[in-house]
Protein backbone atom coordinates (compact mmCIF):
# COMPACT_ATOMS: atom_id res chain seq x y z
CA MET A 1 20.73 29.87 43.84
CA PRO A 2 24.27 31.25 43.29
CA ALA A 3 26.90 29.56 45.44
CA HIS A 4 27.74 32.80 47.25
CA GLN A 5 24.10 33.23 48.37
CA ARG A 6 23.68 29.82 50.02
CA ALA A 7 23.17 29.92 53.78
CA TRP A 8 26.02 28.69 55.94
CA ARG A 9 25.08 27.06 59.24
CA TRP A 10 27.73 27.75 61.84
CA ASP A 11 29.08 24.72 63.67
CA PRO A 12 30.14 25.89 67.17
CA SER A 13 32.53 22.94 67.48
CA LEU A 14 34.45 23.93 64.35
CA TYR A 15 37.52 25.29 66.17
CA ALA A 16 36.86 23.72 69.57
CA GLY A 17 40.12 23.46 71.50
CA ALA A 18 42.16 25.12 68.75
CA ALA A 19 42.65 28.63 70.17
CA ALA A 20 45.98 28.15 71.95
CA TYR A 21 47.32 26.21 68.95
CA TYR A 22 46.21 29.07 66.70
CA THR A 23 48.30 31.52 68.70
CA ALA A 24 51.32 29.21 68.79
CA GLY A 25 51.17 27.83 65.26
CA ARG A 26 49.98 30.62 62.99
CA MET A 27 52.59 33.00 61.61
CA ALA A 28 52.09 36.55 62.86
CA TYR A 29 50.81 39.32 60.66
CA PRO A 30 53.76 41.60 59.87
CA PRO A 31 54.09 45.15 61.23
CA GLU A 32 54.02 46.32 57.61
CA LEU A 33 50.31 45.48 57.52
CA ALA A 34 49.56 47.98 60.26
CA GLU A 35 51.85 50.54 58.68
CA ALA A 36 50.09 50.19 55.32
CA LEU A 37 46.70 50.82 56.93
CA VAL A 38 48.01 53.79 58.90
CA THR A 39 49.17 55.36 55.64
CA GLU A 40 46.11 54.43 53.58
CA LEU A 41 43.43 55.20 56.16
CA GLY A 42 45.14 58.01 58.05
CA LEU A 43 44.93 56.18 61.38
CA ASP A 44 45.94 58.45 64.25
CA GLY A 45 45.06 56.64 67.46
CA THR A 46 41.43 57.75 67.49
CA GLY A 47 38.22 56.01 66.45
CA THR A 48 37.03 52.43 66.80
CA LEU A 49 38.14 49.22 65.08
CA LEU A 50 35.78 46.26 64.69
CA ASP A 51 37.59 43.00 63.86
CA VAL A 52 34.95 40.51 62.68
CA GLY A 53 35.79 36.83 63.07
CA CYS A 54 38.79 37.90 65.13
CA GLY A 55 39.81 34.46 66.40
CA PRO A 56 42.40 34.87 69.18
CA GLY A 57 43.01 38.49 68.22
CA SER A 58 45.97 38.04 65.89
CA LEU A 59 45.01 41.09 63.83
CA THR A 60 43.03 42.89 66.55
CA LEU A 61 46.06 43.20 68.79
CA LEU A 62 48.35 44.27 65.96
CA LEU A 63 46.05 47.16 65.10
CA ALA A 64 44.71 48.10 68.54
CA ALA A 65 47.34 50.76 69.21
CA ARG A 66 46.21 52.61 66.09
CA PHE A 67 42.73 53.23 67.58
CA ALA A 68 41.20 54.57 70.75
CA HIS A 69 39.16 51.38 71.07
CA ALA A 70 39.13 48.00 69.34
CA ILE A 71 36.38 45.38 69.42
CA GLY A 72 37.05 41.74 68.59
CA VAL A 73 33.99 39.71 67.61
CA ASP A 74 34.00 35.94 67.23
CA ALA A 75 31.48 33.11 67.63
CA ASP A 76 33.99 30.92 69.51
CA GLN A 77 34.36 31.83 73.19
CA GLY A 78 37.61 29.87 73.43
CA MET A 79 39.16 32.09 70.77
CA LEU A 80 38.07 35.21 72.65
CA ASP A 81 39.44 33.89 75.94
CA GLU A 82 42.79 33.34 74.22
CA GLY A 83 42.64 36.85 72.76
CA ALA A 84 42.02 38.31 76.22
CA ARG A 85 45.01 36.35 77.59
CA GLN A 86 47.23 37.62 74.80
CA ALA A 87 46.03 41.20 75.35
CA ALA A 88 46.86 40.98 79.05
CA ALA A 89 50.29 39.50 78.32
CA ARG A 90 51.04 42.37 75.93
CA HIS A 91 49.54 45.01 78.22
CA VAL A 92 46.97 46.00 75.60
CA GLY A 93 44.08 47.57 77.48
CA ASN A 94 41.84 49.11 74.84
CA VAL A 95 40.27 45.95 73.39
CA SER A 96 36.87 44.52 74.27
CA TRP A 97 35.80 41.03 73.22
CA ARG A 98 32.30 39.96 72.20
CA CYS A 99 31.09 36.41 71.65
CA LEU A 100 28.79 37.07 68.75
CA ARG A 101 28.12 35.61 65.33
CA ALA A 102 28.98 38.03 62.56
CA GLU A 103 25.52 37.47 61.12
CA ASP A 104 24.03 39.08 64.26
CA LEU A 105 25.81 42.41 63.79
CA PRO A 106 25.36 45.22 64.58
CA ALA A 107 23.76 43.84 67.77
CA ASP A 108 24.17 46.68 70.27
CA LEU A 109 27.53 47.87 68.96
CA PRO A 110 28.07 51.57 68.24
CA PRO A 111 29.07 52.73 64.75
CA VAL A 112 32.74 52.04 64.01
CA ASP A 113 35.39 53.64 61.82
CA VAL A 114 37.20 50.59 60.40
CA ILE A 115 36.07 46.98 60.02
CA THR A 116 38.52 44.16 59.35
CA LEU A 117 37.75 40.65 58.10
CA ALA A 118 40.80 38.38 58.03
CA GLN A 119 40.68 34.67 57.13
CA SER A 120 37.09 34.50 58.35
CA PHE A 121 34.65 35.73 55.68
CA HIS A 122 34.37 32.34 53.97
CA TRP A 123 32.89 30.80 57.14
CA MET A 124 30.02 33.30 57.21
CA ASN A 125 26.75 34.02 55.46
CA ARG A 126 28.69 36.53 53.44
CA PRO A 127 25.91 38.64 51.88
CA ARG A 128 24.28 39.03 55.29
CA VAL A 129 27.55 39.94 57.00
CA ALA A 130 28.55 42.41 54.28
CA ALA A 131 25.18 44.15 54.60
CA ALA A 132 25.51 44.25 58.40
CA ALA A 133 29.02 45.69 58.09
CA ARG A 134 27.72 48.44 55.83
CA ARG A 135 25.16 49.38 58.49
CA VAL A 136 27.58 49.48 61.42
CA LEU A 137 30.28 51.45 59.58
CA HIS A 138 30.47 55.22 60.04
CA PRO A 139 29.98 57.26 56.83
CA GLY A 140 33.46 57.67 55.40
CA GLY A 141 34.71 54.57 57.19
CA ALA A 142 36.50 51.63 55.59
CA LEU A 143 36.18 47.86 55.49
CA VAL A 144 39.45 45.99 55.03
CA HIS A 145 39.27 42.44 53.66
CA VAL A 146 42.56 40.73 54.53
CA GLY A 147 43.51 37.85 52.25
CA ALA A 148 46.19 35.79 53.96
CA THR A 149 47.41 32.29 54.73
CA THR A 150 49.20 32.05 58.06
CA HIS A 151 49.31 28.36 58.94
CA ARG A 152 51.82 27.60 56.19
CA GLY A 153 54.03 29.30 53.65
CA ASP A 154 55.80 28.37 50.43
CA GLY A 155 59.01 26.43 49.97
CA THR A 156 62.33 28.23 50.04
CA GLY A 157 64.57 25.53 48.60
CA GLY A 158 65.83 24.74 52.09
CA GLN A 159 64.38 22.46 54.75
CA ASN A 160 60.66 23.00 54.22
CA PRO A 161 57.82 21.48 56.27
CA PRO A 162 56.48 18.32 54.57
CA TRP A 163 52.96 19.67 54.06
CA ASP A 164 51.90 17.08 51.47
CA ALA A 165 52.92 14.28 53.81
CA ILE A 166 51.15 16.02 56.71
CA THR A 167 47.94 16.23 54.68
CA ALA A 168 48.21 12.55 53.79
CA LEU A 169 48.78 11.66 57.44
CA VAL A 170 45.69 13.59 58.54
CA GLU A 171 43.65 11.79 55.87
CA THR A 172 45.00 8.44 57.04
CA HIS A 173 43.65 9.12 60.53
CA LEU A 174 40.48 11.09 59.69
CA GLY A 175 39.63 10.33 56.08
CA ALA A 176 39.45 12.91 53.32
CA LYS A 177 36.10 14.52 54.22
CA ARG A 178 36.28 17.20 56.90
CA PRO A 179 34.54 20.53 57.69
CA VAL A 180 34.21 23.00 54.84
CA PRO A 181 32.36 26.31 54.54
CA GLY A 182 28.77 26.36 53.38
CA ASP A 183 29.64 28.32 50.26
CA SER A 184 32.72 28.36 48.09
CA PRO A 185 35.34 31.08 48.51
CA GLY A 186 35.22 33.71 45.82
CA HIS A 187 32.69 36.29 44.67
CA GLU A 188 33.85 38.64 47.45
CA GLU A 189 33.93 41.70 45.23
CA GLU A 190 30.40 41.04 43.97
CA ILE A 191 29.16 40.53 47.52
CA TYR A 192 30.69 43.75 48.84
CA ARG A 193 29.36 45.77 45.93
CA GLU A 194 25.87 44.35 46.38
CA ALA A 195 26.07 45.49 50.02
CA GLY A 196 26.79 49.06 48.91
CA PHE A 197 30.57 49.24 49.15
CA ASP A 198 32.78 50.96 46.58
CA GLY A 199 36.21 49.65 45.66
CA PRO A 200 38.38 47.91 46.22
CA HIS A 201 41.69 49.67 46.54
CA THR A 202 44.21 46.83 46.75
CA ILE A 203 47.54 46.70 48.57
CA GLU A 204 49.79 43.63 48.38
CA LEU A 205 52.41 42.99 51.03
CA PRO A 206 55.24 40.66 49.94
CA GLY A 207 56.18 37.55 51.86
CA HIS A 208 59.35 37.04 53.86
CA THR A 209 61.39 34.07 55.03
CA VAL A 210 60.71 32.68 58.50
CA ARG A 211 62.17 29.93 60.65
CA ARG A 212 59.75 27.47 62.22
CA SER A 213 60.29 24.64 64.66
CA ALA A 214 58.64 21.23 64.58
CA ALA A 215 56.52 22.38 67.54
CA ASP A 216 55.35 25.37 65.48
CA ILE A 217 54.21 23.06 62.69
CA VAL A 218 52.41 20.73 65.11
CA ALA A 219 50.52 23.72 66.53
CA ALA A 220 49.70 24.94 63.01
CA VAL A 221 48.19 21.56 62.14
CA TYR A 222 46.04 21.57 65.28
CA SER A 223 44.93 25.14 64.56
CA LEU A 224 43.10 24.06 61.39
CA SER A 225 39.38 23.34 61.39
CA SER A 226 40.13 20.17 59.42
CA SER A 227 42.52 18.78 62.04
CA THR A 228 41.62 20.26 65.43
CA PRO A 229 42.49 17.83 68.24
CA HIS A 230 38.88 16.98 69.13
CA LEU A 231 38.27 15.50 65.67
CA PHE A 232 40.68 12.65 66.40
CA GLY A 233 38.96 11.48 69.58
CA ASP A 234 40.82 8.54 71.10
CA ARG A 235 43.03 8.40 67.99
CA LEU A 236 44.75 11.66 68.96
CA PRO A 237 47.76 10.09 70.76
CA ALA A 238 48.52 7.90 67.73
CA PHE A 239 48.18 10.80 65.31
CA ASP A 240 50.30 13.07 67.48
CA ARG A 241 53.02 10.43 67.69
CA ASP A 242 52.98 9.93 63.91
CA LEU A 243 53.02 13.66 63.22
CA ARG A 244 55.98 14.33 65.49
CA ALA A 245 57.85 11.35 64.03
CA LEU A 246 57.25 12.73 60.53
CA LEU A 247 58.62 16.14 61.49
CA GLY A 248 61.55 14.92 63.53
CA GLY A 249 63.54 17.46 65.50
CA ALA A 250 64.69 19.62 62.62
CA GLY A 251 63.85 23.26 62.11
CA PHE A 252 62.22 24.47 58.92
CA THR A 253 62.19 27.53 56.70
CA GLU A 254 59.25 28.88 54.74
CA ARG A 255 58.41 32.04 52.87
CA THR A 256 55.19 33.61 54.06
CA ARG A 257 52.62 34.10 51.34
CA PRO A 258 51.76 37.61 50.15
CA ILE A 259 48.99 39.35 52.07
CA VAL A 260 46.38 41.16 50.00
CA LEU A 261 44.47 44.05 51.58
CA GLN A 262 41.27 45.06 49.83
CA ILE A 263 39.96 48.38 51.12
CA TRP A 264 36.27 49.10 50.60
CA ARG A 265 34.49 52.37 51.31
């Protein structure tokens, strides 16, 4: 069986306790992402957005103002609770949140105009989710696959976070084997085409330099499925102490990695 057709069994503990760290530690999607989709898709404040695997709403909330209604779907209730808190803090009132596995779409959802999948597709039974997305999408609608890395960036030649040393430290405390998806990333274009999508039209957004504190990096580490706090058990205080000692009190600079938008019709 091809790797991209193997079933992935969702582990509900995968991101347990990570939602607040995700909000604090992941670098925000840039406004240019929303602007690119407004231009490409003709967004005018009407219609419905469905953000699949939305996490704490990082992309949902960026795009919500471009639609009459936005729906964030995620299998982790903690992520959705964090998204609702962020929406309230930002006075965003047109988002609804559904605790639902992507594989169970369309459930009772109405047809939607735009579907987004950002940093989530690799955790899913991708052929099943792509087929479900095709069914729930209005004729003429668009699916946007967002390729991004937001927990870390690339070096700038300045004071960069010591990511190699952080990885080694995590492995010292947890070992090298930690949660991975049930199928390997890749094959996305084949999967979308098999589900009946045409495309993609690709837009690449360049990276930019950001400043990050040691606290930001700590939160980024705890936002990862491979190093969420619950994995450490009673070793968490020792790991946290070692991580903060490694980072010290200095600030860091990184260049965010390019974001690739693949638009499917």
